[in-house]
Amino acid sequence: MKPRFLRMLVAGVVVAVGATSSVSATECIAPANPGGGWDFTCRQIGKILFDIKQVDAPVQVTNMAGAGGGLAFSTVVNERNDDPDLIVAASSATTTRLAQNAFGGATADQVRFVGAIGADPGVIVVAKDSPFQNLDDLVEAIKADPGSVAFAGGSAAGGFDHLKPLQILKAAGFSDITKVKYIGVDGGADAITQTIGGFTQAMTGDMSEIVGFIRSGEVRALAVLTEERVPGFEDIPTAKEQGYDVVAVNWRGLYVPKGISDERFEEWGQKLKAVAESDEWQAAMKANGLAPFTKVGGDFQSWIDSVVAQTADLSREIGVIQ
């Protein structure tokens, strides 16, 4: 009887373990420190996925700062290529760096871009006590002495954040853009800290990264890089209305490991679409200055392919890559 009892006990343990492991927790990697745009994406989308019952357990958020997103990308490609429960926060900065070969030879086709569900307007921000009261003040100071103004941004040099002020300066007729100072840090929160602390004169980033700092009065936004003023932030003028024809928005979305099945890829697309259509996400967009922008599944992947090609062409034009 004793051996039989032991066999039954072992069988019970196996069943129990199997039942416990049948619900796999989703992990979302934010490729930056807490507080930035990628962190926002993971935490907001992760929370809503669970709230609207698209996943069975709370989403675990892992911050993995390094190489402007390159560390997370390399980890997914080389160590977790077939993990069906892994999602990674991504944005225009991700595709810009891939287009510019900033991830050490990594290419966009090594992962699958599952979707975007919001556009984060680009912004140019200064500290509350900055002498620059508007975009003209900033531009004229750079024209007079390009080395007098340094920008901090959450992307590497030549990345999406870096390109924003360069586009404004080109629109202003300033051609010697290689003299403009730029400091790339790991995420928007670090860039804001650099500017508030006086280490840089301006921050180039996205609306979601600065909302809390605007509301606390620590910074002033000189311009938002959208077609029209952002609902909820109507006091921030666009660059266009200040005479600079520049629009630069940062989509917020996810990529997943390339090695997962087509069925799982489409499932993630549908889950992300459900988040986009939820009241919770609508409220999150309004609270954080995001504009609607929904592309999921195969349509989004095709769009990404074209964006990467276009970004590579533009980067060659301005000399970022050869």
C-alpha atoms as a PDB file:
ATOM      1  CA  MET A   1       0.000   0.000   0.000  1.00  0.00           C
ATOM      2  CA  LYS A   2       2.812   2.383   0.790  1.00  0.00           C
ATOM      3  CA  PRO A   3       4.286   2.404  -2.756  1.00  0.00           C
ATOM      4  CA  ARG A   4       0.801   2.932  -4.164  1.00  0.00           C
ATOM      5  CA  PHE A   5       0.214   5.830  -1.761  1.00  0.00           C
ATOM      6  CA  LEU A   6       3.501   7.423  -2.845  1.00  0.00           C
ATOM      7  CA  ARG A   7       2.596   7.033  -6.510  1.00  0.00           C
ATOM      8  CA  MET A   8      -0.755   8.726  -5.876  1.00  0.00           C
ATOM      9  CA  LEU A   9       0.927  11.513  -3.942  1.00  0.00           C
ATOM     10  CA  VAL A  10       3.451  12.140  -6.716  1.00  0.00           C
ATOM     11  CA  ALA A  11       0.692  12.103  -9.311  1.00  0.00           C
ATOM     12  CA  GLY A  12      -1.229  14.662  -7.260  1.00  0.00           C
ATOM     13  CA  VAL A  13       1.805  16.925  -7.086  1.00  0.00           C
ATOM     14  CA  VAL A  14       2.321  16.694 -10.847  1.00  0.00           C
ATOM     15  CA  VAL A  15      -1.317  17.603 -11.483  1.00  0.00           C
ATOM     16  CA  ALA A  16      -1.105  20.501  -9.054  1.00  0.00           C
ATOM     17  CA  VAL A  17       2.069  21.852 -10.644  1.00  0.00           C
ATOM     18  CA  GLY A  18       0.559  21.516 -14.091  1.00  0.00           C
ATOM     19  CA  ALA A  19      -2.537  23.392 -13.006  1.00  0.00           C
ATOM     20  CA  THR A  20      -0.470  26.164 -11.449  1.00  0.00           C
ATOM     21  CA  SER A  21       1.744  26.648 -14.501  1.00  0.00           C
ATOM     22  CA  SER A  22      -1.142  26.657 -16.984  1.00  0.00           C
ATOM     23  CA  VAL A  23      -1.650  30.374 -16.308  1.00  0.00           C
ATOM     24  CA  SER A  24       1.504  32.076 -17.546  1.00  0.00           C
ATOM     25  CA  ALA A  25       2.037  35.633 -16.422  1.00  0.00           C
ATOM     26  CA  THR A  26       2.727  38.126 -19.188  1.00  0.00           C
ATOM     27  CA  GLU A  27       5.934  40.140 -18.860  1.00  0.00           C
ATOM     28  CA  CYS A  28       6.359  43.573 -20.420  1.00  0.00           C
ATOM     29  CA  ILE A  29       9.901  44.857 -20.822  1.00  0.00           C
ATOM     30  CA  ALA A  30      10.316  48.640 -20.655  1.00  0.00           C
ATOM     31  CA  PRO A  31      13.722  49.291 -22.261  1.00  0.00           C
ATOM     32  CA  ALA A  32      14.479  52.281 -19.980  1.00  0.00           C
ATOM     33  CA  ASN A  33      14.441  53.396 -16.375  1.00  0.00           C
ATOM     34  CA  PRO A  34      11.129  53.984 -14.548  1.00  0.00           C
ATOM     35  CA  GLY A  35       9.309  57.198 -15.406  1.00  0.00           C
ATOM     36  CA  GLY A  36       9.878  57.485 -19.152  1.00  0.00           C
ATOM     37  CA  GLY A  37       7.680  56.814 -22.164  1.00  0.00           C
ATOM     38  CA  TRP A  38       8.475  53.105 -22.519  1.00  0.00           C
ATOM     39  CA  ASP A  39       7.815  52.607 -18.816  1.00  0.00           C
ATOM     40  CA  PHE A  40       4.477  54.409 -19.242  1.00  0.00           C
ATOM     41  CA  THR A  41       3.583  52.143 -22.166  1.00  0.00           C
ATOM     42  CA  CYS A  42       4.271  48.927 -20.250  1.00  0.00           C
ATOM     43  CA  ARG A  43       2.532  49.990 -17.078  1.00  0.00           C
ATOM     44  CA  GLN A  44      -0.579  51.469 -18.702  1.00  0.00           C
ATOM     45  CA  ILE A  45      -1.100  48.764 -21.313  1.00  0.00           C
ATOM     46  CA  GLY A  46      -0.189  46.042 -18.816  1.00  0.00           C
ATOM     47  CA  LYS A  47      -2.685  47.278 -16.242  1.00  0.00           C
ATOM     48  CA  ILE A  48      -5.491  47.598 -18.780  1.00  0.00           C
ATOM     49  CA  LEU A  49      -4.807  44.171 -20.295  1.00  0.00           C
ATOM     50  CA  PHE A  50      -5.508  42.683 -16.881  1.00  0.00           C
ATOM     51  CA  ASP A  51      -8.378  45.035 -16.022  1.00  0.00           C
ATOM     52  CA  ILE A  52     -10.308  44.139 -19.183  1.00  0.00           C
ATOM     53  CA  LYS A  53      -9.481  40.429 -18.781  1.00  0.00           C
ATOM     54  CA  GLN A  54      -7.261  40.046 -21.837  1.00  0.00           C
ATOM     55  CA  VAL A  55      -4.682  38.288 -19.620  1.00  0.00           C
ATOM     56  CA  ASP A  56      -5.302  35.998 -16.648  1.00  0.00           C
ATOM     57  CA  ALA A  57      -2.770  37.500 -14.247  1.00  0.00           C
ATOM     58  CA  PRO A  58      -1.301  40.966 -13.592  1.00  0.00           C
ATOM     59  CA  VAL A  59       1.380  41.893 -16.111  1.00  0.00           C
ATOM     60  CA  GLN A  60       4.912  41.968 -14.713  1.00  0.00           C
ATOM     61  CA  VAL A  61       6.874  45.070 -15.782  1.00  0.00           C
ATOM     62  CA  THR A  62      10.653  44.761 -16.087  1.00  0.00           C
ATOM     63  CA  ASN A  63      12.766  47.889 -16.586  1.00  0.00           C
ATOM     64  CA  MET A  64      15.800  47.063 -18.714  1.00  0.00           C
ATOM     65  CA  ALA A  65      17.679  50.266 -19.464  1.00  0.00           C
ATOM     66  CA  GLY A  66      20.766  50.195 -21.653  1.00  0.00           C
ATOM     67  CA  ALA A  67      22.000  51.260 -25.087  1.00  0.00           C
ATOM     68  CA  GLY A  68      18.861  53.272 -25.782  1.00  0.00           C
ATOM     69  CA  GLY A  69      16.740  50.132 -25.982  1.00  0.00           C
ATOM     70  CA  GLY A  70      19.472  47.976 -27.480  1.00  0.00           C
ATOM     71  CA  LEU A  71      19.966  45.839 -24.376  1.00  0.00           C
ATOM     72  CA  ALA A  72      16.306  44.834 -24.290  1.00  0.00           C
ATOM     73  CA  PHE A  73      16.243  44.198 -28.039  1.00  0.00           C
ATOM     74  CA  SER A  74      19.333  41.983 -27.851  1.00  0.00           C
ATOM     75  CA  THR A  75      17.900  40.088 -24.875  1.00  0.00           C
ATOM     76  CA  VAL A  76      14.668  39.346 -26.723  1.00  0.00           C
ATOM     77  CA  VAL A  77      16.418  38.270 -29.921  1.00  0.00           C
ATOM     78  CA  ASN A  78      19.159  36.169 -28.363  1.00  0.00           C
ATOM     79  CA  GLU A  79      17.594  34.778 -25.186  1.00  0.00           C
ATOM     80  CA  ARG A  80      13.798  34.881 -25.478  1.00  0.00           C
ATOM     81  CA  ASN A  81      13.080  34.551 -29.170  1.00  0.00           C
ATOM     82  CA  ASP A  82      10.167  32.142 -28.727  1.00  0.00           C
ATOM     83  CA  ASP A  83       8.567  33.428 -25.498  1.00  0.00           C
ATOM     84  CA  PRO A  84       4.821  33.702 -26.241  1.00  0.00           C
ATOM     85  CA  ASP A  85       4.129  35.650 -23.035  1.00  0.00           C
ATOM     86  CA  LEU A  86       6.641  38.447 -23.583  1.00  0.00           C
ATOM     87  CA  ILE A  87       5.765  41.903 -24.895  1.00  0.00           C
ATOM     88  CA  VAL A  88       8.137  44.858 -25.193  1.00  0.00           C
ATOM     89  CA  ALA A  89       7.365  48.576 -25.196  1.00  0.00           C
ATOM     90  CA  ALA A  90       8.320  50.271 -28.459  1.00  0.00           C
ATOM     91  CA  SER A  91       7.977  53.619 -30.167  1.00  0.00           C
ATOM     92  CA  SER A  92       9.260  55.707 -33.048  1.00  0.00           C
ATOM     93  CA  ALA A  93      12.579  55.834 -31.203  1.00  0.00           C
ATOM     94  CA  THR A  94      12.864  52.050 -31.557  1.00  0.00           C
ATOM     95  CA  THR A  95      12.455  52.018 -35.313  1.00  0.00           C
ATOM     96  CA  THR A  96      14.668  55.092 -35.729  1.00  0.00           C
ATOM     97  CA  ARG A  97      17.548  53.361 -33.963  1.00  0.00           C
ATOM     98  CA  LEU A  98      17.062  50.184 -35.931  1.00  0.00           C
ATOM     99  CA  ALA A  99      17.006  52.153 -39.185  1.00  0.00           C
ATOM    100  CA  GLN A 100      20.265  53.825 -38.183  1.00  0.00           C
ATOM    101  CA  ASN A 101      22.007  50.585 -37.155  1.00  0.00           C
ATOM    102  CA  ALA A 102      22.273  51.843 -33.579  1.00  0.00           C
ATOM    103  CA  PHE A 103      21.809  48.369 -32.092  1.00  0.00           C
ATOM    104  CA  GLY A 104      25.088  46.892 -33.302  1.00  0.00           C
ATOM    105  CA  GLY A 105      23.881  45.284 -36.496  1.00  0.00           C
ATOM    106  CA  ALA A 106      20.426  44.313 -35.211  1.00  0.00           C
ATOM    107  CA  THR A 107      17.602  44.764 -37.712  1.00  0.00           C
ATOM    108  CA  ALA A 108      13.875  45.409 -37.376  1.00  0.00           C
ATOM    109  CA  ASP A 109      12.980  42.025 -38.876  1.00  0.00           C
ATOM    110  CA  GLN A 110      14.494  40.191 -35.884  1.00  0.00           C
ATOM    111  CA  VAL A 111      11.301  40.831 -33.903  1.00  0.00           C
ATOM    112  CA  ARG A 112       7.623  41.274 -34.792  1.00  0.00           C
ATOM    113  CA  PHE A 113       5.962  44.634 -34.284  1.00  0.00           C
ATOM    114  CA  VAL A 114       2.500  43.828 -32.985  1.00  0.00           C
ATOM    115  CA  GLY A 115       0.827  47.219 -32.851  1.00  0.00           C
ATOM    116  CA  ALA A 116       0.547  50.853 -31.786  1.00  0.00           C
ATOM    117  CA  ILE A 117      -2.426  52.364 -29.994  1.00  0.00           C
ATOM    118  CA  GLY A 118      -1.520  55.978 -29.398  1.00  0.00           C
ATOM    119  CA  ALA A 119       0.632  58.789 -30.708  1.00  0.00           C
ATOM    120  CA  ASP A 120       2.688  60.752 -28.226  1.00  0.00           C
ATOM    121  CA  PRO A 121       3.183  64.335 -29.463  1.00  0.00           C
ATOM    122  CA  GLY A 122       6.748  65.565 -29.586  1.00  0.00           C
ATOM    123  CA  VAL A 123       7.604  68.511 -27.335  1.00  0.00           C
ATOM    124  CA  ILE A 124      10.394  70.991 -26.693  1.00  0.00           C
ATOM    125  CA  VAL A 125      10.692  71.809 -22.999  1.00  0.00           C
ATOM    126  CA  VAL A 126      12.759  74.149 -20.809  1.00  0.00           C
ATOM    127  CA  ALA A 127      13.116  74.552 -17.042  1.00  0.00           C
ATOM    128  CA  LYS A 128      10.669  76.897 -15.300  1.00  0.00           C
ATOM    129  CA  ASP A 129      13.307  79.604 -14.832  1.00  0.00           C
ATOM    130  CA  SER A 130      14.679  79.419 -18.384  1.00  0.00           C
ATOM    131  CA  PRO A 131      15.182  82.726 -20.235  1.00  0.00           C
ATOM    132  CA  PHE A 132      13.563  81.170 -23.319  1.00  0.00           C
ATOM    133  CA  GLN A 133       9.881  82.141 -23.349  1.00  0.00           C
ATOM    134  CA  ASN A 134       8.980  80.715 -26.757  1.00  0.00           C
ATOM    135  CA  LEU A 135      10.388  78.712 -29.651  1.00  0.00           C
ATOM    136  CA  ASP A 136      11.667  81.853 -31.400  1.00  0.00           C
ATOM    137  CA  ASP A 137      13.850  82.702 -28.381  1.00  0.00           C
ATOM    138  CA  LEU A 138      15.404  79.254 -28.429  1.00  0.00           C
ATOM    139  CA  VAL A 139      15.966  79.172 -32.182  1.00  0.00           C
ATOM    140  CA  GLU A 140      17.503  82.651 -32.271  1.00  0.00           C
ATOM    141  CA  ALA A 141      19.894  81.758 -29.441  1.00  0.00           C
ATOM    142  CA  ILE A 142      21.101  78.716 -31.376  1.00  0.00           C
ATOM    143  CA  LYS A 143      21.484  80.712 -34.571  1.00  0.00           C
ATOM    144  CA  ALA A 144      23.606  83.274 -32.723  1.00  0.00           C
ATOM    145  CA  ASP A 145      25.726  80.684 -30.917  1.00  0.00           C
ATOM    146  CA  PRO A 146      25.013  77.003 -31.692  1.00  0.00           C
ATOM    147  CA  GLY A 147      27.116  75.843 -28.765  1.00  0.00           C
ATOM    148  CA  SER A 148      25.155  77.872 -26.208  1.00  0.00           C
ATOM    149  CA  VAL A 149      22.182  75.495 -26.116  1.00  0.00           C
ATOM    150  CA  ALA A 150      22.338  71.780 -25.348  1.00  0.00           C
ATOM    151  CA  PHE A 151      19.333  69.463 -25.650  1.00  0.00           C
ATOM    152  CA  ALA A 152      18.751  66.351 -23.562  1.00  0.00           C
ATOM    153  CA  GLY A 153      16.657  63.521 -24.978  1.00  0.00           C
ATOM    154  CA  GLY A 154      15.793  59.912 -24.327  1.00  0.00           C
ATOM    155  CA  SER A 155      17.237  58.642 -27.586  1.00  0.00           C
ATOM    156  CA  ALA A 156      20.818  58.198 -28.699  1.00  0.00           C
ATOM    157  CA  ALA A 157      22.505  60.820 -30.854  1.00  0.00           C
ATOM    158  CA  GLY A 158      20.798  60.832 -34.234  1.00  0.00           C
ATOM    159  CA  GLY A 159      17.694  59.197 -32.745  1.00  0.00           C
ATOM    160  CA  PHE A 160      14.090  60.331 -32.868  1.00  0.00           C
ATOM    161  CA  ASP A 161      14.383  62.828 -29.999  1.00  0.00           C
ATOM    162  CA  HIS A 162      17.536  64.266 -31.538  1.00  0.00           C
ATOM    163  CA  LEU A 163      15.855  64.690 -34.910  1.00  0.00           C
ATOM    164  CA  LYS A 164      13.012  66.827 -33.505  1.00  0.00           C
ATOM    165  CA  PRO A 165      14.967  70.044 -32.750  1.00  0.00           C
ATOM    166  CA  LEU A 166      17.047  69.519 -35.892  1.00  0.00           C
ATOM    167  CA  GLN A 167      13.864  69.515 -37.966  1.00  0.00           C
ATOM    168  CA  ILE A 168      12.781  72.754 -36.294  1.00  0.00           C
ATOM    169  CA  LEU A 169      16.140  74.391 -36.961  1.00  0.00           C
ATOM    170  CA  LYS A 170      16.112  73.277 -40.585  1.00  0.00           C
ATOM    171  CA  ALA A 171      12.614  74.756 -40.911  1.00  0.00           C
ATOM    172  CA  ALA A 172      14.064  78.000 -39.499  1.00  0.00           C
ATOM    173  CA  GLY A 173      16.702  78.068 -42.221  1.00  0.00           C
ATOM    174  CA  PHE A 174      19.590  76.970 -40.001  1.00  0.00           C
ATOM    175  CA  SER A 175      21.733  74.548 -41.987  1.00  0.00           C
ATOM    176  CA  ASP A 176      24.734  73.867 -39.745  1.00  0.00           C
ATOM    177  CA  ILE A 177      22.847  71.386 -37.596  1.00  0.00           C
ATOM    178  CA  THR A 178      25.936  69.326 -36.764  1.00  0.00           C
ATOM    179  CA  LYS A 179      26.961  72.094 -34.318  1.00  0.00           C
ATOM    180  CA  VAL A 180      23.837  71.681 -32.203  1.00  0.00           C
ATOM    181  CA  LYS A 181      24.613  70.007 -28.867  1.00  0.00           C
ATOM    182  CA  TYR A 182      22.622  66.941 -27.901  1.00  0.00           C
ATOM    183  CA  ILE A 183      22.969  64.586 -24.912  1.00  0.00           C
ATOM    184  CA  GLY A 184      21.269  61.213 -25.218  1.00  0.00           C
ATOM    185  CA  VAL A 185      20.211  59.519 -21.976  1.00  0.00           C
ATOM    186  CA  ASP A 186      18.163  56.424 -21.053  1.00  0.00           C
ATOM    187  CA  GLY A 187      14.592  57.674 -21.241  1.00  0.00           C
ATOM    188  CA  GLY A 188      12.615  60.887 -20.914  1.00  0.00           C
ATOM    189  CA  ALA A 189      12.732  60.994 -17.120  1.00  0.00           C
ATOM    190  CA  ASP A 190      16.519  61.225 -17.173  1.00  0.00           C
ATOM    191  CA  ALA A 191      16.349  63.892 -19.889  1.00  0.00           C
ATOM    192  CA  ILE A 192      13.961  66.000 -17.800  1.00  0.00           C
ATOM    193  CA  THR A 193      16.291  65.680 -14.814  1.00  0.00           C
ATOM    194  CA  GLN A 194      19.200  66.962 -16.893  1.00  0.00           C
ATOM    195  CA  THR A 195      17.200  70.036 -17.901  1.00  0.00           C
ATOM    196  CA  ILE A 196      15.671  70.823 -14.508  1.00  0.00           C
ATOM    197  CA  GLY A 197      19.130  70.494 -12.982  1.00  0.00           C
ATOM    198  CA  GLY A 198      20.589  72.990 -15.445  1.00  0.00           C
ATOM    199  CA  PHE A 199      22.927  70.542 -17.135  1.00  0.00           C
ATOM    200  CA  THR A 200      21.140  71.186 -20.453  1.00  0.00           C
ATOM    201  CA  GLN A 201      19.126  74.187 -21.620  1.00  0.00           C
ATOM    202  CA  ALA A 202      16.244  72.240 -23.168  1.00  0.00           C
ATOM    203  CA  MET A 203      14.655  68.809 -23.336  1.00  0.00           C
ATOM    204  CA  THR A 204      13.367  67.158 -26.503  1.00  0.00           C
ATOM    205  CA  GLY A 205      10.918  64.356 -25.909  1.00  0.00           C
ATOM    206  CA  ASP A 206       7.265  63.353 -25.781  1.00  0.00           C
ATOM    207  CA  MET A 207       4.195  64.692 -24.028  1.00  0.00           C
ATOM    208  CA  SER A 208       3.669  61.641 -21.794  1.00  0.00           C
ATOM    209  CA  GLU A 209       7.166  62.085 -20.377  1.00  0.00           C
ATOM    210  CA  ILE A 210       6.571  65.644 -19.179  1.00  0.00           C
ATOM    211  CA  VAL A 211       2.934  65.738 -18.019  1.00  0.00           C
ATOM    212  CA  GLY A 212       3.777  65.387 -14.330  1.00  0.00           C
ATOM    213  CA  PHE A 213       6.576  67.952 -14.560  1.00  0.00           C
ATOM    214  CA  ILE A 214       4.304  70.451 -16.331  1.00  0.00           C
ATOM    215  CA  ARG A 215       1.594  70.050 -13.713  1.00  0.00           C
ATOM    216  CA  SER A 216       4.118  70.488 -10.909  1.00  0.00           C
ATOM    217  CA  GLY A 217       5.420  73.649 -12.560  1.00  0.00           C
ATOM    218  CA  GLU A 218       8.997  72.411 -12.860  1.00  0.00           C
ATOM    219  CA  VAL A 219       9.148  72.895 -16.642  1.00  0.00           C
ATOM    220  CA  ARG A 220       7.572  74.927 -19.439  1.00  0.00           C
ATOM    221  CA  ALA A 221       6.775  73.496 -22.867  1.00  0.00           C
ATOM    222  CA  LEU A 222       7.790  75.872 -25.647  1.00  0.00           C
ATOM    223  CA  ALA A 223       6.089  73.857 -28.378  1.00  0.00           C
ATOM    224  CA  VAL A 224       4.156  70.697 -29.151  1.00  0.00           C
ATOM    225  CA  LEU A 225       4.991  69.112 -32.517  1.00  0.00           C
ATOM    226  CA  THR A 226       1.474  68.296 -33.719  1.00  0.00           C
ATOM    227  CA  GLU A 227      -0.892  69.660 -36.359  1.00  0.00           C
ATOM    228  CA  GLU A 228      -3.158  71.153 -33.683  1.00  0.00           C
ATOM    229  CA  ARG A 229      -2.937  71.827 -29.962  1.00  0.00           C
ATOM    230  CA  VAL A 230      -3.353  68.743 -27.785  1.00  0.00           C
ATOM    231  CA  PRO A 231      -6.688  68.411 -25.919  1.00  0.00           C
ATOM    232  CA  GLY A 232      -6.124  69.014 -22.240  1.00  0.00           C
ATOM    233  CA  PHE A 233      -2.944  70.990 -22.946  1.00  0.00           C
ATOM    234  CA  GLU A 234      -4.389  73.814 -25.021  1.00  0.00           C
ATOM    235  CA  ASP A 235      -2.016  76.374 -23.502  1.00  0.00           C
ATOM    236  CA  ILE A 236       0.973  74.790 -25.267  1.00  0.00           C
ATOM    237  CA  PRO A 237       1.359  76.258 -28.784  1.00  0.00           C
ATOM    238  CA  THR A 238       2.325  74.109 -31.747  1.00  0.00           C
ATOM    239  CA  ALA A 239       5.570  74.646 -33.586  1.00  0.00           C
ATOM    240  CA  LYS A 240       3.521  75.211 -36.744  1.00  0.00           C
ATOM    241  CA  GLU A 241       1.610  78.148 -35.315  1.00  0.00           C
ATOM    242  CA  GLN A 242       4.943  79.670 -34.261  1.00  0.00           C
ATOM    243  CA  GLY A 243       6.125  79.538 -37.866  1.00  0.00           C
ATOM    244  CA  TYR A 244       7.988  76.205 -37.921  1.00  0.00           C
ATOM    245  CA  ASP A 245       6.352  73.626 -40.189  1.00  0.00           C
ATOM    246  CA  VAL A 246       7.318  70.537 -38.182  1.00  0.00           C
ATOM    247  CA  VAL A 247       5.108  67.664 -37.027  1.00  0.00           C
ATOM    248  CA  ALA A 248       6.740  64.819 -35.065  1.00  0.00           C
ATOM    249  CA  VAL A 249       4.699  62.319 -33.067  1.00  0.00           C
ATOM    250  CA  ASN A 250       5.943  59.230 -31.310  1.00  0.00           C
ATOM    251  CA  TRP A 251       3.690  56.193 -31.617  1.00  0.00           C
ATOM    252  CA  ARG A 252       3.330  54.011 -28.538  1.00  0.00           C
ATOM    253  CA  GLY A 253       3.120  50.261 -28.998  1.00  0.00           C
ATOM    254  CA  LEU A 254       4.684  46.848 -28.629  1.00  0.00           C
ATOM    255  CA  TYR A 255       6.894  44.301 -30.292  1.00  0.00           C
ATOM    256  CA  VAL A 256       7.096  40.588 -29.538  1.00  0.00           C
ATOM    257  CA  PRO A 257       9.697  37.845 -30.164  1.00  0.00           C
ATOM    258  CA  LYS A 258       9.958  36.764 -33.783  1.00  0.00           C
ATOM    259  CA  GLY A 259       9.874  33.076 -32.943  1.00  0.00           C
ATOM    260  CA  ILE A 260       6.321  32.996 -31.588  1.00  0.00           C
ATOM    261  CA  SER A 261       3.581  31.447 -33.719  1.00  0.00           C
ATOM    262  CA  ASP A 262       1.513  33.416 -36.231  1.00  0.00           C
ATOM    263  CA  GLU A 263      -1.546  32.602 -34.151  1.00  0.00           C
ATOM    264  CA  ARG A 264       0.017  34.070 -31.010  1.00  0.00           C
ATOM    265  CA  PHE A 265       1.119  37.159 -32.940  1.00  0.00           C
ATOM    266  CA  GLU A 266      -2.440  37.762 -34.128  1.00  0.00           C
ATOM    267  CA  GLU A 267      -3.723  37.137 -30.597  1.00  0.00           C
ATOM    268  CA  TRP A 268      -1.488  39.902 -29.283  1.00  0.00           C
ATOM    269  CA  GLY A 269      -2.762  42.172 -32.024  1.00  0.00           C
ATOM    270  CA  GLN A 270      -6.353  41.547 -30.973  1.00  0.00           C
ATOM    271  CA  LYS A 271      -5.509  42.021 -27.293  1.00  0.00           C
ATOM    272  CA  LEU A 272      -3.849  45.339 -28.057  1.00  0.00           C
ATOM    273  CA  LYS A 273      -6.823  46.392 -30.155  1.00  0.00           C
ATOM    274  CA  ALA A 274      -9.092  45.608 -27.195  1.00  0.00           C
ATOM    275  CA  VAL A 275      -6.961  47.893 -25.036  1.00  0.00           C
ATOM    276  CA  ALA A 276      -7.196  50.651 -27.662  1.00  0.00           C
ATOM    277  CA  GLU A 277     -10.992  50.426 -27.670  1.00  0.00           C
ATOM    278  CA  SER A 278     -11.366  50.371 -23.881  1.00  0.00           C
ATOM    279  CA  ASP A 279     -12.653  53.283 -21.826  1.00  0.00           C
ATOM    280  CA  GLU A 280      -9.605  52.865 -19.606  1.00  0.00           C
ATOM    281  CA  TRP A 281      -7.212  53.556 -22.484  1.00  0.00           C
ATOM    282  CA  GLN A 282      -9.263  56.517 -23.689  1.00  0.00           C
ATOM    283  CA  ALA A 283      -8.955  58.002 -20.210  1.00  0.00           C
ATOM    284  CA  ALA A 284      -5.214  57.252 -20.088  1.00  0.00           C
ATOM    285  CA  MET A 285      -4.669  58.974 -23.443  1.00  0.00           C
ATOM    286  CA  LYS A 286      -6.567  62.067 -22.323  1.00  0.00           C
ATOM    287  CA  ALA A 287      -4.701  62.232 -19.018  1.00  0.00           C
ATOM    288  CA  ASN A 288      -1.297  61.897 -20.703  1.00  0.00           C
ATOM    289  CA  GLY A 289      -1.700  63.945 -23.858  1.00  0.00           C
ATOM    290  CA  LEU A 290      -1.814  61.060 -26.325  1.00  0.00           C
ATOM    291  CA  ALA A 291      -3.615  61.214 -29.640  1.00  0.00           C
ATOM    292  CA  PRO A 292      -5.521  58.225 -31.112  1.00  0.00           C
ATOM    293  CA  PHE A 293      -3.350  56.076 -33.402  1.00  0.00           C
ATOM    294  CA  THR A 294      -4.316  52.422 -33.820  1.00  0.00           C
ATOM    295  CA  LYS A 295      -2.526  49.938 -36.092  1.00  0.00           C
ATOM    296  CA  VAL A 296      -2.241  46.278 -35.122  1.00  0.00           C
ATOM    297  CA  GLY A 297      -1.093  42.933 -36.479  1.00  0.00           C
ATOM    298  CA  GLY A 298       0.127  42.481 -40.031  1.00  0.00           C
ATOM    299  CA  ASP A 299      -0.944  45.975 -41.111  1.00  0.00           C
ATOM    300  CA  PHE A 300       1.260  47.521 -38.447  1.00  0.00           C
ATOM    301  CA  GLN A 301       4.225  45.303 -39.340  1.00  0.00           C
ATOM    302  CA  SER A 302       3.982  46.390 -42.999  1.00  0.00           C
ATOM    303  CA  TRP A 303       3.778  50.042 -41.950  1.00  0.00           C
ATOM    304  CA  ILE A 304       6.844  49.615 -39.736  1.00  0.00           C
ATOM    305  CA  ASP A 305       8.816  48.185 -42.647  1.00  0.00           C
ATOM    306  CA  SER A 306       8.095  51.288 -44.719  1.00  0.00           C
ATOM    307  CA  VAL A 307       8.882  53.649 -41.826  1.00  0.00           C
ATOM    308  CA  VAL A 308      12.258  52.008 -41.225  1.00  0.00           C
ATOM    309  CA  ALA A 309      13.150  52.391 -44.908  1.00  0.00           C
ATOM    310  CA  GLN A 310      12.084  56.055 -44.957  1.00  0.00           C
ATOM    311  CA  THR A 311      13.979  56.832 -41.756  1.00  0.00           C
ATOM    312  CA  ALA A 312      17.142  55.277 -43.132  1.00  0.00           C
ATOM    313  CA  ASP A 313      16.870  57.445 -46.239  1.00  0.00           C
ATOM    314  CA  LEU A 314      16.356  60.632 -44.167  1.00  0.00           C
ATOM    315  CA  SER A 315      19.231  59.739 -41.850  1.00  0.00           C
ATOM    316  CA  ARG A 316      21.572  59.405 -44.824  1.00  0.00           C
ATOM    317  CA  GLU A 317      20.470  62.831 -46.038  1.00  0.00           C
ATOM    318  CA  ILE A 318      21.473  64.509 -42.774  1.00  0.00           C
ATOM    319  CA  GLY A 319      24.650  62.483 -42.439  1.00  0.00           C
ATOM    320  CA  VAL A 320      23.686  60.352 -39.441  1.00  0.00           C
ATOM    321  CA  ILE A 321      24.496  57.179 -41.355  1.00  0.00           C
ATOM    322  CA  GLN A 322      26.408  56.541 -44.549  1.00  0.00           C
END
